[in-house]
C-alpha cells in the first residue's frame, strides 16, 4: 500500500515538473518571437537597421535591446 502511494506522488511530481517546464518554455518563446522577427527582417521603413543592438528599438518598439 505504501509503495502505491509513493508511486502516485512520484507520478504527480513528474506531471507537475513537465507542466512547469512547458509553461517556462512557452513564456520564453513568446518573449523571444519579436526579437527573432527583427533579426529575420531588419528592414525598417525601407532602410536597414544600423546595428543588431538598434534592431529591437527600430523594429519592435522596444527601448532596450534584449540580452
C-alpha atoms as a PDB file:
ATOM      1  CA  UNK A   1       0.000   0.000   0.000  1.00  0.00           C
ATOM      2  CA  UNK A   2       2.798   2.401   0.879  1.00  0.00           C
ATOM      3  CA  UNK A   3       4.573   1.672  -2.420  1.00  0.00           C
ATOM      4  CA  UNK A   4       1.442   2.547  -4.423  1.00  0.00           C
ATOM      5  CA  UNK A   5       1.116   5.821  -2.546  1.00  0.00           C
ATOM      6  CA  UNK A   6       4.756   6.709  -3.183  1.00  0.00           C
ATOM      7  CA  UNK A   7       4.365   5.860  -6.863  1.00  0.00           C
ATOM      8  CA  UNK A   8       1.334   8.138  -7.033  1.00  0.00           C
ATOM      9  CA  UNK A   9       3.274  11.026  -5.517  1.00  0.00           C
ATOM     10  CA  UNK A  10       6.144  10.394  -7.913  1.00  0.00           C
ATOM     11  CA  UNK A  11       3.823  10.489 -10.920  1.00  0.00           C
ATOM     12  CA  UNK A  12       2.204  13.675  -9.616  1.00  0.00           C
ATOM     13  CA  UNK A  13       5.614  15.299  -9.140  1.00  0.00           C
ATOM     14  CA  UNK A  14       6.692  14.317 -12.655  1.00  0.00           C
ATOM     15  CA  UNK A  15       3.499  15.721 -14.167  1.00  0.00           C
ATOM     16  CA  UNK A  16       3.966  18.975 -12.227  1.00  0.00           C
ATOM     17  CA  UNK A  17       7.570  19.206 -13.432  1.00  0.00           C
ATOM     18  CA  UNK A  18       6.556  18.704 -17.062  1.00  0.00           C
ATOM     19  CA  UNK A  19       3.842  21.358 -16.714  1.00  0.00           C
ATOM     20  CA  UNK A  20       6.264  23.856 -15.191  1.00  0.00           C
ATOM     21  CA  UNK A  21       8.843  23.217 -17.905  1.00  0.00           C
ATOM     22  CA  UNK A  22       6.198  23.653 -20.577  1.00  0.00           C
ATOM     23  CA  UNK A  23       4.967  26.930 -19.103  1.00  0.00           C
ATOM     24  CA  UNK A  24       8.531  28.230 -18.818  1.00  0.00           C
ATOM     25  CA  UNK A  25       9.316  27.290 -22.416  1.00  0.00           C
ATOM     26  CA  UNK A  26       6.105  28.936 -23.641  1.00  0.00           C
ATOM     27  CA  UNK A  27       6.884  32.195 -21.824  1.00  0.00           C
ATOM     28  CA  UNK A  28      10.465  32.283 -23.113  1.00  0.00           C
ATOM     29  CA  UNK A  29       9.420  31.616 -26.699  1.00  0.00           C
ATOM     30  CA  UNK A  30       6.675  34.221 -26.504  1.00  0.00           C
ATOM     31  CA  UNK A  31       9.201  36.823 -25.300  1.00  0.00           C
ATOM     32  CA  UNK A  32      11.724  35.869 -28.000  1.00  0.00           C
ATOM     33  CA  UNK A  33       9.400  35.951 -31.037  1.00  0.00           C
ATOM     34  CA  UNK A  34       9.594  39.735 -31.670  1.00  0.00           C
ATOM     35  CA  UNK A  35      13.396  39.692 -31.418  1.00  0.00           C
ATOM     36  CA  UNK A  36      13.664  36.826 -33.885  1.00  0.00           C
ATOM     37  CA  UNK A  37      11.271  38.583 -36.258  1.00  0.00           C
ATOM     38  CA  UNK A  38      13.520  41.660 -36.161  1.00  0.00           C
ATOM     39  CA  UNK A  39      16.613  39.599 -36.854  1.00  0.00           C
ATOM     40  CA  UNK A  40      14.991  37.864 -39.828  1.00  0.00           C
ATOM     41  CA  UNK A  41      13.723  41.066 -41.437  1.00  0.00           C
ATOM     42  CA  UNK A  42      15.890  44.007 -40.351  1.00  0.00           C
ATOM     43  CA  UNK A  43      14.296  46.387 -42.883  1.00  0.00           C
ATOM     44  CA  UNK A  44      12.722  49.391 -41.183  1.00  0.00           C
ATOM     45  CA  UNK A  45      10.952  51.949 -43.372  1.00  0.00           C
ATOM     46  CA  UNK A  46      12.962  50.780 -46.386  1.00  0.00           C
ATOM     47  CA  UNK A  47      16.335  51.153 -44.651  1.00  0.00           C
ATOM     48  CA  UNK A  48      18.412  48.579 -42.852  1.00  0.00           C
ATOM     49  CA  UNK A  49      18.854  48.893 -39.125  1.00  0.00           C
ATOM     50  CA  UNK A  50      22.291  50.276 -38.349  1.00  0.00           C
ATOM     51  CA  UNK A  51      23.294  47.631 -35.815  1.00  0.00           C
ATOM     52  CA  UNK A  52      21.846  44.498 -34.305  1.00  0.00           C
ATOM     53  CA  UNK A  53      21.514  46.345 -30.993  1.00  0.00           C
ATOM     54  CA  UNK A  54      19.294  49.004 -32.573  1.00  0.00           C
ATOM     55  CA  UNK A  55      17.015  46.486 -34.296  1.00  0.00           C
ATOM     56  CA  UNK A  56      14.651  45.878 -31.331  1.00  0.00           C
ATOM     57  CA  UNK A  57      14.278  49.620 -30.893  1.00  0.00           C
ATOM     58  CA  UNK A  58      13.660  50.263 -34.578  1.00  0.00           C
ATOM     59  CA  UNK A  59      11.593  47.188 -35.476  1.00  0.00           C
ATOM     60  CA  UNK A  60       9.748  46.179 -32.396  1.00  0.00           C
ATOM     61  CA  UNK A  61       9.273  49.372 -30.477  1.00  0.00           C
ATOM     62  CA  UNK A  62      11.401  48.156 -27.567  1.00  0.00           C
ATOM     63  CA  UNK A  63      13.548  50.749 -25.824  1.00  0.00           C
ATOM     64  CA  UNK A  64      16.174  48.337 -24.517  1.00  0.00           C
ATOM     65  CA  UNK A  65      17.976  45.641 -26.522  1.00  0.00           C
ATOM     66  CA  UNK A  66      17.395  42.126 -25.257  1.00  0.00           C
ATOM     67  CA  UNK A  67      20.428  40.293 -23.942  1.00  0.00           C
END
